[in-house]
Amino acid sequence: MTPKLHSILVRLAFITIFVSTTSIAYVLLPEKPTANKTSVPQEATPISTSTVFLTTSAPATSVSSLPEVAQLVRAGGEKTPPKTTSSTESFQTATLSVNDKNYTLQFNTEENLLTAMRRLETSSVAPFSFSGKEYAGIGFFVDGINDIKNNPTAGKYWVYYLNGQPAPVGISTYLLKSGDIINWQYGTKQF
């Protein structure tokens, strides 16, 4: 096995992470000064195969996936805490339907459909995924849901309906309301 295949080395400021291809993660701690003021690297310590702890000048941060590690490194070692709700604040719900499969959307006040769909994609027990593209000044256009892509050659596209009516605006603009029913349909609907 080549060294390149054996490890991915990421270093930013005091963060150094080594992940081997055998799924054992190591944390290399910052270099510690010695009596003569030269730096000596500390030893790598194997840890859990599913969690990596980053040691920075801030308190230790836990991440559970390589994309999370990359995001953390780009942020300079500071993990942005997930948005949470307080005990007085709770999610509102709406229903999202795709090909006769229903999902419960959870959202906060003043949250758009795109944000709620992204949350559903990461938290749904039943598989849900979508793809699309953001167009500056226009908004986000969905080009696939649950592995079914738009097919311009056949004239088939994903179109969403809001409470039984064609949606008046795109998903990045529409602010959800409690009880909304969003129905995604794949077909030859003209825009």
N, C-alpha and C. Protein backbone atom coordinates (compact mmCIF):
# COMPACT_ATOMS: atom_id res chain seq x y z
N MET A 1 0.85 -1.17 0.00
CA MET A 1 0.00 0.00 0.00
C MET A 1 0.89 1.23 0.00
N THR A 2 0.58 2.18 -0.88
CA THR A 2 1.39 3.38 -0.98
C THR A 2 1.06 4.33 0.17
N PRO A 3 1.99 5.20 0.52
CA PRO A 3 1.71 6.18 1.57
C PRO A 3 0.51 7.05 1.22
N LYS A 4 0.35 7.36 -0.08
CA LYS A 4 -0.78 8.20 -0.49
C LYS A 4 -2.11 7.51 -0.20
N LEU A 5 -2.17 6.21 -0.48
CA LEU A 5 -3.38 5.47 -0.18
C LEU A 5 -3.53 5.22 1.31
N HIS A 6 -2.44 5.19 2.00
CA HIS A 6 -2.46 4.87 3.42
C HIS A 6 -2.99 6.02 4.28
N SER A 7 -2.82 7.24 3.84
CA SER A 7 -3.27 8.32 4.72
C SER A 7 -3.65 9.58 3.98
N ILE A 8 -4.46 10.34 4.63
CA ILE A 8 -4.80 11.69 4.18
C ILE A 8 -4.36 12.60 5.31
N LEU A 9 -3.48 13.53 5.01
CA LEU A 9 -2.95 14.39 6.07
C LEU A 9 -3.52 15.79 5.89
N VAL A 10 -4.18 16.27 6.90
CA VAL A 10 -4.77 17.60 6.86
C VAL A 10 -4.16 18.42 7.98
N ARG A 11 -3.66 19.62 7.66
CA ARG A 11 -3.05 20.44 8.70
C ARG A 11 -3.47 21.89 8.50
N LEU A 12 -4.01 22.49 9.51
CA LEU A 12 -4.35 23.89 9.50
C LEU A 12 -4.13 24.41 10.90
N ALA A 13 -3.27 25.43 11.04
CA ALA A 13 -2.91 25.98 12.34
C ALA A 13 -2.45 24.86 13.25
N PHE A 14 -3.16 24.58 14.31
CA PHE A 14 -2.76 23.54 15.24
C PHE A 14 -3.52 22.23 15.04
N ILE A 15 -4.21 22.13 13.91
CA ILE A 15 -5.00 20.92 13.69
C ILE A 15 -4.25 20.01 12.74
N THR A 16 -4.02 18.80 13.12
CA THR A 16 -3.46 17.80 12.22
C THR A 16 -4.21 16.51 12.46
N ILE A 17 -4.75 15.99 11.40
CA ILE A 17 -5.52 14.76 11.52
C ILE A 17 -4.93 13.73 10.57
N PHE A 18 -4.79 12.53 11.02
CA PHE A 18 -4.31 11.46 10.16
C PHE A 18 -5.36 10.36 10.18
N VAL A 19 -5.86 9.99 9.01
CA VAL A 19 -6.86 8.93 8.93
C VAL A 19 -6.29 7.86 8.00
N SER A 20 -6.16 6.66 8.51
CA SER A 20 -5.60 5.59 7.67
C SER A 20 -6.70 4.90 6.90
N THR A 21 -6.33 4.20 5.86
CA THR A 21 -7.33 3.49 5.06
C THR A 21 -7.87 2.28 5.80
N THR A 22 -7.32 1.96 6.95
CA THR A 22 -7.86 0.85 7.73
C THR A 22 -8.93 1.34 8.69
N SER A 23 -9.40 2.56 8.49
CA SER A 23 -10.48 3.16 9.28
C SER A 23 -10.11 3.40 10.73
N ILE A 24 -8.84 3.48 11.03
CA ILE A 24 -8.44 3.87 12.38
C ILE A 24 -8.00 5.32 12.29
N ALA A 25 -8.59 6.14 13.10
CA ALA A 25 -8.25 7.56 13.06
C ALA A 25 -7.21 7.87 14.11
N TYR A 26 -6.33 8.79 13.80
CA TYR A 26 -5.30 9.23 14.72
C TYR A 26 -5.39 10.73 14.87
N VAL A 27 -5.07 11.21 16.02
CA VAL A 27 -4.98 12.64 16.23
C VAL A 27 -3.54 12.96 16.54
N LEU A 28 -2.96 13.86 15.76
CA LEU A 28 -1.62 14.33 16.06
C LEU A 28 -1.78 15.65 16.79
N LEU A 29 -1.33 15.68 18.01
CA LEU A 29 -1.49 16.86 18.83
C LEU A 29 -0.50 17.93 18.40
N PRO A 30 -0.73 19.19 18.74
CA PRO A 30 0.21 20.24 18.38
C PRO A 30 1.59 19.94 18.95
N GLU A 31 2.58 20.48 18.26
CA GLU A 31 3.94 20.28 18.75
C GLU A 31 4.09 20.97 20.09
N LYS A 32 4.80 20.31 21.02
CA LYS A 32 4.98 20.91 22.33
C LYS A 32 6.43 21.40 22.46
N PRO A 33 6.63 22.58 23.00
CA PRO A 33 7.98 23.11 23.14
C PRO A 33 8.77 22.33 24.19
N THR A 34 10.07 22.21 23.96
CA THR A 34 10.95 21.57 24.92
C THR A 34 11.74 22.65 25.65
N ALA A 35 12.61 22.25 26.56
CA ALA A 35 13.38 23.20 27.36
C ALA A 35 14.22 24.12 26.48
N ASN A 36 14.76 23.63 25.37
CA ASN A 36 15.57 24.49 24.51
C ASN A 36 14.74 25.19 23.43
N LYS A 37 13.42 25.23 23.61
CA LYS A 37 12.46 25.95 22.77
C LYS A 37 12.34 25.41 21.35
N THR A 38 12.76 24.16 21.14
CA THR A 38 12.49 23.53 19.84
C THR A 38 11.22 22.71 20.00
N SER A 39 10.53 22.51 18.91
CA SER A 39 9.27 21.78 18.98
C SER A 39 9.50 20.31 18.71
N VAL A 40 8.79 19.48 19.46
CA VAL A 40 8.85 18.04 19.28
C VAL A 40 7.43 17.56 19.07
N PRO A 41 7.15 16.90 17.94
CA PRO A 41 5.78 16.41 17.73
C PRO A 41 5.42 15.36 18.77
N GLN A 42 4.18 15.42 19.23
CA GLN A 42 3.69 14.40 20.14
C GLN A 42 3.31 13.18 19.33
N GLU A 43 3.18 12.03 19.99
CA GLU A 43 2.84 10.79 19.28
C GLU A 43 1.40 10.78 18.82
N ALA A 44 1.16 10.06 17.74
CA ALA A 44 -0.20 9.87 17.25
C ALA A 44 -0.89 8.86 18.15
N THR A 45 -2.14 9.11 18.44
CA THR A 45 -2.90 8.24 19.32
C THR A 45 -4.09 7.67 18.57
N PRO A 46 -4.18 6.33 18.45
CA PRO A 46 -5.35 5.77 17.75
C PRO A 46 -6.61 6.00 18.58
N ILE A 47 -7.71 6.29 17.89
CA ILE A 47 -9.00 6.47 18.57
C ILE A 47 -10.07 5.74 17.78
N SER A 48 -11.31 5.96 18.14
CA SER A 48 -12.47 5.30 17.54
C SER A 48 -12.44 5.35 16.02
N THR A 49 -12.98 4.31 15.38
CA THR A 49 -13.01 4.28 13.92
C THR A 49 -14.11 5.16 13.36
N SER A 50 -15.04 5.62 14.18
CA SER A 50 -16.13 6.42 13.63
C SER A 50 -16.13 7.86 14.11
N THR A 51 -15.27 8.20 15.02
CA THR A 51 -15.25 9.57 15.53
C THR A 51 -13.82 10.07 15.56
N VAL A 52 -13.64 11.29 15.13
CA VAL A 52 -12.32 11.93 15.17
C VAL A 52 -12.42 13.10 16.12
N PHE A 53 -11.47 13.23 17.03
CA PHE A 53 -11.44 14.37 17.93
C PHE A 53 -10.34 15.30 17.46
N LEU A 54 -10.67 16.54 17.26
CA LEU A 54 -9.68 17.51 16.83
C LEU A 54 -9.18 18.26 18.04
N THR A 55 -7.87 18.37 18.14
CA THR A 55 -7.31 19.13 19.24
C THR A 55 -6.83 20.45 18.70
N THR A 56 -7.36 21.52 19.22
CA THR A 56 -6.98 22.86 18.80
C THR A 56 -6.74 23.66 20.06
N SER A 57 -6.55 24.95 19.88
CA SER A 57 -6.43 25.80 21.06
C SER A 57 -7.78 25.94 21.75
N ALA A 58 -8.86 25.63 21.01
CA ALA A 58 -10.20 25.62 21.59
C ALA A 58 -10.45 24.25 22.20
N PRO A 59 -11.54 24.07 22.94
CA PRO A 59 -11.84 22.74 23.49
C PRO A 59 -11.95 21.71 22.37
N ALA A 60 -11.76 20.44 22.71
CA ALA A 60 -11.82 19.36 21.73
C ALA A 60 -13.17 19.35 21.04
N THR A 61 -13.14 19.04 19.75
CA THR A 61 -14.34 19.01 18.94
C THR A 61 -14.50 17.61 18.38
N SER A 62 -15.71 17.11 18.37
CA SER A 62 -15.96 15.76 17.86
C SER A 62 -16.64 15.85 16.50
N VAL A 63 -16.17 15.07 15.54
CA VAL A 63 -16.82 14.97 14.25
C VAL A 63 -16.93 13.50 13.89
N SER A 64 -17.89 13.15 13.03
CA SER A 64 -18.10 11.74 12.75
C SER A 64 -17.96 11.36 11.29
N SER A 65 -17.57 12.29 10.43
CA SER A 65 -17.39 11.93 9.02
C SER A 65 -16.31 12.78 8.40
N LEU A 66 -15.71 12.28 7.33
CA LEU A 66 -14.67 13.05 6.65
C LEU A 66 -15.19 14.36 6.10
N PRO A 67 -16.43 14.44 5.52
CA PRO A 67 -16.92 15.74 5.10
C PRO A 67 -17.00 16.73 6.25
N GLU A 68 -17.39 16.23 7.45
CA GLU A 68 -17.43 17.10 8.62
C GLU A 68 -16.04 17.58 8.98
N VAL A 69 -15.04 16.69 8.85
CA VAL A 69 -13.65 17.07 9.13
C VAL A 69 -13.23 18.16 8.17
N ALA A 70 -13.52 17.98 6.88
CA ALA A 70 -13.14 18.98 5.88
C ALA A 70 -13.80 20.32 6.17
N GLN A 71 -15.08 20.29 6.53
CA GLN A 71 -15.78 21.52 6.86
C GLN A 71 -15.16 22.19 8.07
N LEU A 72 -14.79 21.39 9.05
CA LEU A 72 -14.19 21.92 10.26
C LEU A 72 -12.84 22.55 9.96
N VAL A 73 -12.06 21.90 9.10
CA VAL A 73 -10.75 22.43 8.75
C VAL A 73 -10.91 23.75 8.01
N ARG A 74 -11.88 23.82 7.07
CA ARG A 74 -12.11 25.07 6.35
C ARG A 74 -12.52 26.18 7.31
N ALA A 75 -13.19 25.83 8.40
CA ALA A 75 -13.64 26.82 9.37
C ALA A 75 -12.56 27.16 10.38
N GLY A 76 -11.35 26.66 10.19
CA GLY A 76 -10.25 26.99 11.09
C GLY A 76 -10.35 26.30 12.43
N GLY A 77 -10.99 25.15 12.49
CA GLY A 77 -11.05 24.38 13.72
C GLY A 77 -12.24 24.70 14.60
N GLU A 78 -13.04 25.64 14.19
CA GLU A 78 -14.21 26.00 14.99
C GLU A 78 -15.43 25.32 14.40
N LYS A 79 -16.05 24.47 15.16
CA LYS A 79 -17.24 23.77 14.71
C LYS A 79 -18.45 24.63 15.03
N THR A 80 -19.24 24.93 14.00
CA THR A 80 -20.45 25.69 14.21
C THR A 80 -21.49 24.74 14.78
N PRO A 81 -22.00 25.05 15.97
CA PRO A 81 -22.97 24.13 16.56
C PRO A 81 -24.23 24.06 15.71
N PRO A 82 -24.84 22.87 15.63
CA PRO A 82 -26.06 22.76 14.85
C PRO A 82 -27.14 23.65 15.44
N LYS A 83 -27.99 24.17 14.56
CA LYS A 83 -29.07 25.01 15.01
C LYS A 83 -30.02 24.16 15.85
N THR A 84 -30.26 24.59 17.05
CA THR A 84 -31.15 23.83 17.92
C THR A 84 -32.33 24.70 18.31
N THR A 85 -33.34 24.05 18.80
CA THR A 85 -34.50 24.80 19.25
C THR A 85 -34.50 24.81 20.77
N SER A 86 -34.98 25.90 21.32
CA SER A 86 -35.07 25.99 22.77
C SER A 86 -36.33 25.27 23.23
N SER A 87 -36.48 25.14 24.54
CA SER A 87 -37.64 24.43 25.07
C SER A 87 -38.94 25.17 24.75
N THR A 88 -38.86 26.49 24.48
CA THR A 88 -40.06 27.24 24.15
C THR A 88 -40.31 27.28 22.65
N GLU A 89 -39.31 26.85 21.86
CA GLU A 89 -39.43 26.87 20.41
C GLU A 89 -39.54 25.43 19.92
N SER A 90 -40.42 25.17 18.95
CA SER A 90 -40.52 23.82 18.42
C SER A 90 -40.71 23.90 16.91
N PHE A 91 -40.40 22.80 16.24
CA PHE A 91 -40.58 22.74 14.80
C PHE A 91 -42.06 22.72 14.47
N GLN A 92 -42.39 23.31 13.33
CA GLN A 92 -43.70 23.17 12.75
C GLN A 92 -43.59 22.05 11.72
N THR A 93 -44.71 21.53 11.26
CA THR A 93 -44.65 20.43 10.31
C THR A 93 -45.51 20.70 9.07
N ALA A 94 -45.07 20.09 7.99
CA ALA A 94 -45.80 20.08 6.73
C ALA A 94 -45.61 18.69 6.15
N THR A 95 -46.37 18.36 5.13
CA THR A 95 -46.25 17.05 4.48
C THR A 95 -45.64 17.24 3.10
N LEU A 96 -44.66 16.40 2.80
CA LEU A 96 -44.05 16.40 1.47
C LEU A 96 -44.33 15.03 0.86
N SER A 97 -44.88 15.03 -0.34
CA SER A 97 -45.24 13.78 -1.02
C SER A 97 -44.44 13.68 -2.32
N VAL A 98 -43.82 12.51 -2.53
CA VAL A 98 -43.06 12.23 -3.75
C VAL A 98 -43.46 10.84 -4.21
N ASN A 99 -44.02 10.75 -5.42
CA ASN A 99 -44.42 9.44 -5.95
C ASN A 99 -45.24 8.64 -4.94
N ASP A 100 -46.22 9.25 -4.35
CA ASP A 100 -47.12 8.62 -3.39
C ASP A 100 -46.44 8.18 -2.09
N LYS A 101 -45.24 8.65 -1.84
CA LYS A 101 -44.56 8.40 -0.56
C LYS A 101 -44.60 9.70 0.22
N ASN A 102 -45.10 9.64 1.45
CA ASN A 102 -45.22 10.84 2.27
C ASN A 102 -44.08 10.96 3.27
N TYR A 103 -43.61 12.18 3.44
CA TYR A 103 -42.57 12.51 4.41
C TYR A 103 -43.09 13.66 5.26
N THR A 104 -42.64 13.72 6.50
CA THR A 104 -42.97 14.85 7.36
C THR A 104 -41.82 15.83 7.34
N LEU A 105 -42.12 17.06 6.90
CA LEU A 105 -41.12 18.13 6.89
C LEU A 105 -41.19 18.85 8.23
N GLN A 106 -40.05 19.05 8.84
CA GLN A 106 -39.99 19.86 10.05
C GLN A 106 -39.30 21.17 9.68
N PHE A 107 -39.85 22.28 10.18
CA PHE A 107 -39.27 23.57 9.82
C PHE A 107 -39.51 24.59 10.92
N ASN A 108 -38.69 25.62 10.90
CA ASN A 108 -38.83 26.75 11.81
C ASN A 108 -39.63 27.84 11.12
N THR A 109 -40.15 28.77 11.89
CA THR A 109 -40.85 29.92 11.35
C THR A 109 -39.93 30.64 10.37
N GLU A 110 -40.50 31.13 9.29
CA GLU A 110 -39.76 31.88 8.26
C GLU A 110 -38.69 31.04 7.57
N GLU A 111 -38.90 29.73 7.47
CA GLU A 111 -37.94 28.86 6.79
C GLU A 111 -38.51 28.46 5.43
N ASN A 112 -37.63 28.46 4.41
CA ASN A 112 -38.12 28.13 3.07
C ASN A 112 -38.13 26.62 2.84
N LEU A 113 -38.80 26.22 1.78
CA LEU A 113 -38.96 24.81 1.45
C LEU A 113 -37.62 24.15 1.16
N LEU A 114 -36.71 24.84 0.51
CA LEU A 114 -35.39 24.28 0.21
C LEU A 114 -34.66 23.88 1.48
N THR A 115 -34.64 24.73 2.48
CA THR A 115 -33.97 24.43 3.75
C THR A 115 -34.61 23.23 4.43
N ALA A 116 -35.94 23.17 4.43
CA ALA A 116 -36.63 22.03 5.06
C ALA A 116 -36.36 20.73 4.31
N MET A 117 -36.27 20.79 2.98
CA MET A 117 -35.96 19.59 2.21
C MET A 117 -34.53 19.12 2.48
N ARG A 118 -33.62 20.05 2.65
CA ARG A 118 -32.24 19.67 2.98
C ARG A 118 -32.18 19.00 4.35
N ARG A 119 -32.97 19.50 5.30
CA ARG A 119 -33.03 18.88 6.62
C ARG A 119 -33.61 17.47 6.51
N LEU A 120 -34.67 17.32 5.72
CA LEU A 120 -35.30 16.01 5.52
C LEU A 120 -34.30 15.03 4.92
N GLU A 121 -33.51 15.50 3.97
CA GLU A 121 -32.53 14.65 3.30
C GLU A 121 -31.53 14.05 4.29
N THR A 122 -31.16 14.81 5.31
CA THR A 122 -30.17 14.33 6.27
C THR A 122 -30.78 13.62 7.47
N SER A 123 -32.10 13.78 7.68
CA SER A 123 -32.67 13.23 8.91
C SER A 123 -33.76 12.19 8.70
N SER A 124 -34.21 11.99 7.49
CA SER A 124 -35.33 11.09 7.24
C SER A 124 -34.94 9.63 7.43
N VAL A 125 -35.82 8.87 8.08
CA VAL A 125 -35.61 7.43 8.22
C VAL A 125 -35.83 6.77 6.86
N ALA A 126 -36.91 7.16 6.17
CA ALA A 126 -37.16 6.67 4.81
C ALA A 126 -36.23 7.43 3.87
N PRO A 127 -35.61 6.74 2.92
CA PRO A 127 -34.67 7.42 2.03
C PRO A 127 -35.32 8.58 1.28
N PHE A 128 -34.65 9.71 1.29
CA PHE A 128 -35.08 10.89 0.54
C PHE A 128 -33.83 11.63 0.09
N SER A 129 -33.77 11.93 -1.19
CA SER A 129 -32.65 12.73 -1.70
C SER A 129 -33.15 13.58 -2.86
N PHE A 130 -32.47 14.68 -3.07
CA PHE A 130 -32.79 15.51 -4.22
C PHE A 130 -31.53 16.23 -4.66
N SER A 131 -31.55 16.68 -5.90
CA SER A 131 -30.42 17.43 -6.43
C SER A 131 -30.97 18.60 -7.24
N GLY A 132 -30.11 19.54 -7.50
CA GLY A 132 -30.52 20.69 -8.28
C GLY A 132 -29.41 21.69 -8.37
N LYS A 133 -29.77 22.88 -8.79
CA LYS A 133 -28.77 23.92 -8.98
C LYS A 133 -29.35 25.27 -8.60
N GLU A 134 -28.52 26.08 -7.97
CA GLU A 134 -28.90 27.45 -7.59
C GLU A 134 -28.53 28.38 -8.74
N TYR A 135 -29.48 29.17 -9.19
CA TYR A 135 -29.24 30.15 -10.24
C TYR A 135 -29.35 31.54 -9.62
N ALA A 136 -28.28 32.32 -9.74
CA ALA A 136 -28.24 33.66 -9.14
C ALA A 136 -29.42 34.49 -9.64
N GLY A 137 -30.11 35.11 -8.71
CA GLY A 137 -31.22 35.98 -9.04
C GLY A 137 -32.51 35.26 -9.38
N ILE A 138 -32.45 33.95 -9.53
CA ILE A 138 -33.66 33.18 -9.89
C ILE A 138 -34.06 32.25 -8.76
N GLY A 139 -33.11 31.47 -8.26
CA GLY A 139 -33.39 30.55 -7.17
C GLY A 139 -32.90 29.15 -7.48
N PHE A 140 -33.32 28.20 -6.64
CA PHE A 140 -32.88 26.81 -6.74
C PHE A 140 -33.86 26.02 -7.60
N PHE A 141 -33.33 25.29 -8.58
CA PHE A 141 -34.15 24.43 -9.42
C PHE A 141 -33.82 22.98 -9.14
N VAL A 142 -34.83 22.19 -8.80
CA VAL A 142 -34.66 20.75 -8.54
C VAL A 142 -34.56 20.04 -9.89
N ASP A 143 -33.52 19.19 -10.03
CA ASP A 143 -33.40 18.42 -11.27
C ASP A 143 -33.46 16.92 -11.03
N GLY A 144 -33.65 16.51 -9.78
CA GLY A 144 -33.80 15.10 -9.49
C GLY A 144 -34.29 14.87 -8.07
N ILE A 145 -35.12 13.86 -7.89
CA ILE A 145 -35.59 13.47 -6.56
C ILE A 145 -35.55 11.95 -6.49
N ASN A 146 -35.00 11.44 -5.38
CA ASN A 146 -34.93 9.99 -5.15
C ASN A 146 -34.44 9.24 -6.40
N ASP A 147 -33.35 9.72 -6.95
CA ASP A 147 -32.66 9.10 -8.09
C ASP A 147 -33.44 9.15 -9.41
N ILE A 148 -34.48 9.95 -9.50
CA ILE A 148 -35.17 10.15 -10.77
C ILE A 148 -34.85 11.57 -11.24
N LYS A 149 -34.15 11.66 -12.35
CA LYS A 149 -33.68 12.95 -12.88
C LYS A 149 -34.66 13.51 -13.91
N ASN A 150 -34.64 14.86 -14.04
CA ASN A 150 -35.37 15.49 -15.13
C ASN A 150 -34.88 14.89 -16.45
N ASN A 151 -35.79 14.78 -17.41
CA ASN A 151 -35.44 14.24 -18.72
C ASN A 151 -35.94 15.21 -19.80
N PRO A 152 -35.12 16.22 -20.13
CA PRO A 152 -35.55 17.22 -21.11
C PRO A 152 -35.90 16.61 -22.48
N THR A 153 -35.21 15.55 -22.88
CA THR A 153 -35.49 14.91 -24.16
C THR A 153 -36.92 14.39 -24.21
N ALA A 154 -37.37 13.80 -23.12
CA ALA A 154 -38.74 13.27 -23.04
C ALA A 154 -39.72 14.33 -22.55
N GLY A 155 -39.20 15.50 -22.19
CA GLY A 155 -40.07 16.57 -21.68
C GLY A 155 -40.59 16.32 -20.28
N LYS A 156 -39.86 15.52 -19.50
CA LYS A 156 -40.31 15.20 -18.13
C LYS A 156 -39.47 15.96 -17.11
N TYR A 157 -40.18 16.59 -16.18
CA TYR A 157 -39.53 17.41 -15.16
C TYR A 157 -40.23 17.22 -13.83
N TRP A 158 -39.52 17.55 -12.76
CA TRP A 158 -40.11 17.59 -11.42
C TRP A 158 -40.77 18.96 -11.24
N VAL A 159 -42.03 18.94 -10.82
CA VAL A 159 -42.79 20.16 -10.55
C VAL A 159 -43.47 19.96 -9.21
N TYR A 160 -43.48 21.03 -8.38
CA TYR A 160 -44.16 20.86 -7.10
C TYR A 160 -45.45 21.66 -7.04
N TYR A 161 -46.37 21.08 -6.28
CA TYR A 161 -47.68 21.68 -6.06
C TYR A 161 -47.80 21.98 -4.58
N LEU A 162 -48.43 23.08 -4.29
CA LEU A 162 -48.59 23.54 -2.93
C LEU A 162 -50.07 23.54 -2.57
N ASN A 163 -50.42 22.69 -1.63
CA ASN A 163 -51.82 22.57 -1.19
C ASN A 163 -52.76 22.36 -2.38
N GLY A 164 -52.34 21.48 -3.31
CA GLY A 164 -53.18 21.10 -4.45
C GLY A 164 -53.12 22.04 -5.64
N GLN A 165 -52.38 23.12 -5.55
CA GLN A 165 -52.30 24.10 -6.64
C GLN A 165 -50.85 24.20 -7.14
N PRO A 166 -50.66 24.55 -8.42
CA PRO A 166 -49.28 24.78 -8.88
C PRO A 166 -48.61 25.83 -7.99
N ALA A 167 -47.38 25.58 -7.62
CA ALA A 167 -46.68 26.49 -6.71
C ALA A 167 -46.46 27.85 -7.37
N PRO A 168 -46.72 28.93 -6.63
CA PRO A 168 -46.57 30.26 -7.21
C PRO A 168 -45.11 30.74 -7.28
N VAL A 169 -44.23 30.13 -6.47
CA VAL A 169 -42.81 30.53 -6.43
C VAL A 169 -41.95 29.28 -6.25
N GLY A 170 -40.65 29.43 -6.42
CA GLY A 170 -39.71 28.33 -6.28
C GLY A 170 -39.48 27.93 -4.83
N ILE A 171 -38.80 26.79 -4.64
CA ILE A 171 -38.61 26.25 -3.30
C ILE A 171 -37.66 27.07 -2.44
N SER A 172 -36.79 27.86 -3.06
CA SER A 172 -35.88 28.69 -2.27
C SER A 172 -36.56 29.99 -1.83
N THR A 173 -37.73 30.26 -2.38
CA THR A 173 -38.47 31.48 -2.03
C THR A 173 -39.67 31.19 -1.13
N TYR A 174 -40.32 30.05 -1.32
CA TYR A 174 -41.55 29.78 -0.58
C TYR A 174 -41.27 29.53 0.90
N LEU A 175 -41.90 30.34 1.76
CA LEU A 175 -41.80 30.17 3.21
C LEU A 175 -42.92 29.25 3.67
N LEU A 176 -42.54 28.14 4.27
CA LEU A 176 -43.49 27.12 4.70
C LEU A 176 -44.44 27.62 5.77
N LYS A 177 -45.64 27.03 5.76
CA LYS A 177 -46.64 27.29 6.80
C LYS A 177 -47.04 25.94 7.38
N SER A 178 -47.35 25.93 8.66
CA SER A 178 -47.75 24.69 9.32
C SER A 178 -48.95 24.09 8.60
N GLY A 179 -48.86 22.78 8.32
CA GLY A 179 -49.96 22.08 7.66
C GLY A 179 -49.89 22.08 6.14
N ASP A 180 -48.90 22.77 5.55
CA ASP A 180 -48.76 22.77 4.10
C ASP A 180 -48.63 21.34 3.57
N ILE A 181 -49.14 21.13 2.37
CA ILE A 181 -48.96 19.85 1.68
C ILE A 181 -48.21 20.16 0.39
N ILE A 182 -46.99 19.66 0.31
CA ILE A 182 -46.15 19.84 -0.87
C ILE A 182 -46.14 18.52 -1.62
N ASN A 183 -46.54 18.55 -2.87
CA ASN A 183 -46.61 17.34 -3.68
C ASN A 183 -45.69 17.50 -4.89
N TRP A 184 -44.62 16.70 -4.94
CA TRP A 184 -43.72 16.70 -6.09
C TRP A 184 -44.24 15.69 -7.10
N GLN A 185 -44.42 16.14 -8.36
CA GLN A 185 -44.88 15.26 -9.43
C GLN A 185 -43.88 15.29 -10.57
N TYR A 186 -43.62 14.11 -11.10
CA TYR A 186 -42.70 13.98 -12.23
C TYR A 186 -43.52 13.73 -13.48
N GLY A 187 -43.39 14.61 -14.45
CA GLY A 187 -44.17 14.41 -15.66
C GLY A 187 -43.91 15.48 -16.70
N THR A 188 -44.86 15.63 -17.61
CA THR A 188 -44.70 16.52 -18.75
C THR A 188 -45.37 17.87 -18.54
N LYS A 189 -45.50 18.30 -17.34
CA LYS A 189 -46.12 19.58 -17.01
C LYS A 189 -45.36 20.71 -17.69
N GLN A 190 -46.10 21.60 -18.34
CA GLN A 190 -45.50 22.79 -18.96
C GLN A 190 -45.36 23.88 -17.90
N PHE A 191 -44.30 24.64 -17.99
CA PHE A 191 -44.05 25.71 -17.00
C PHE A 191 -44.72 26.98 -17.41
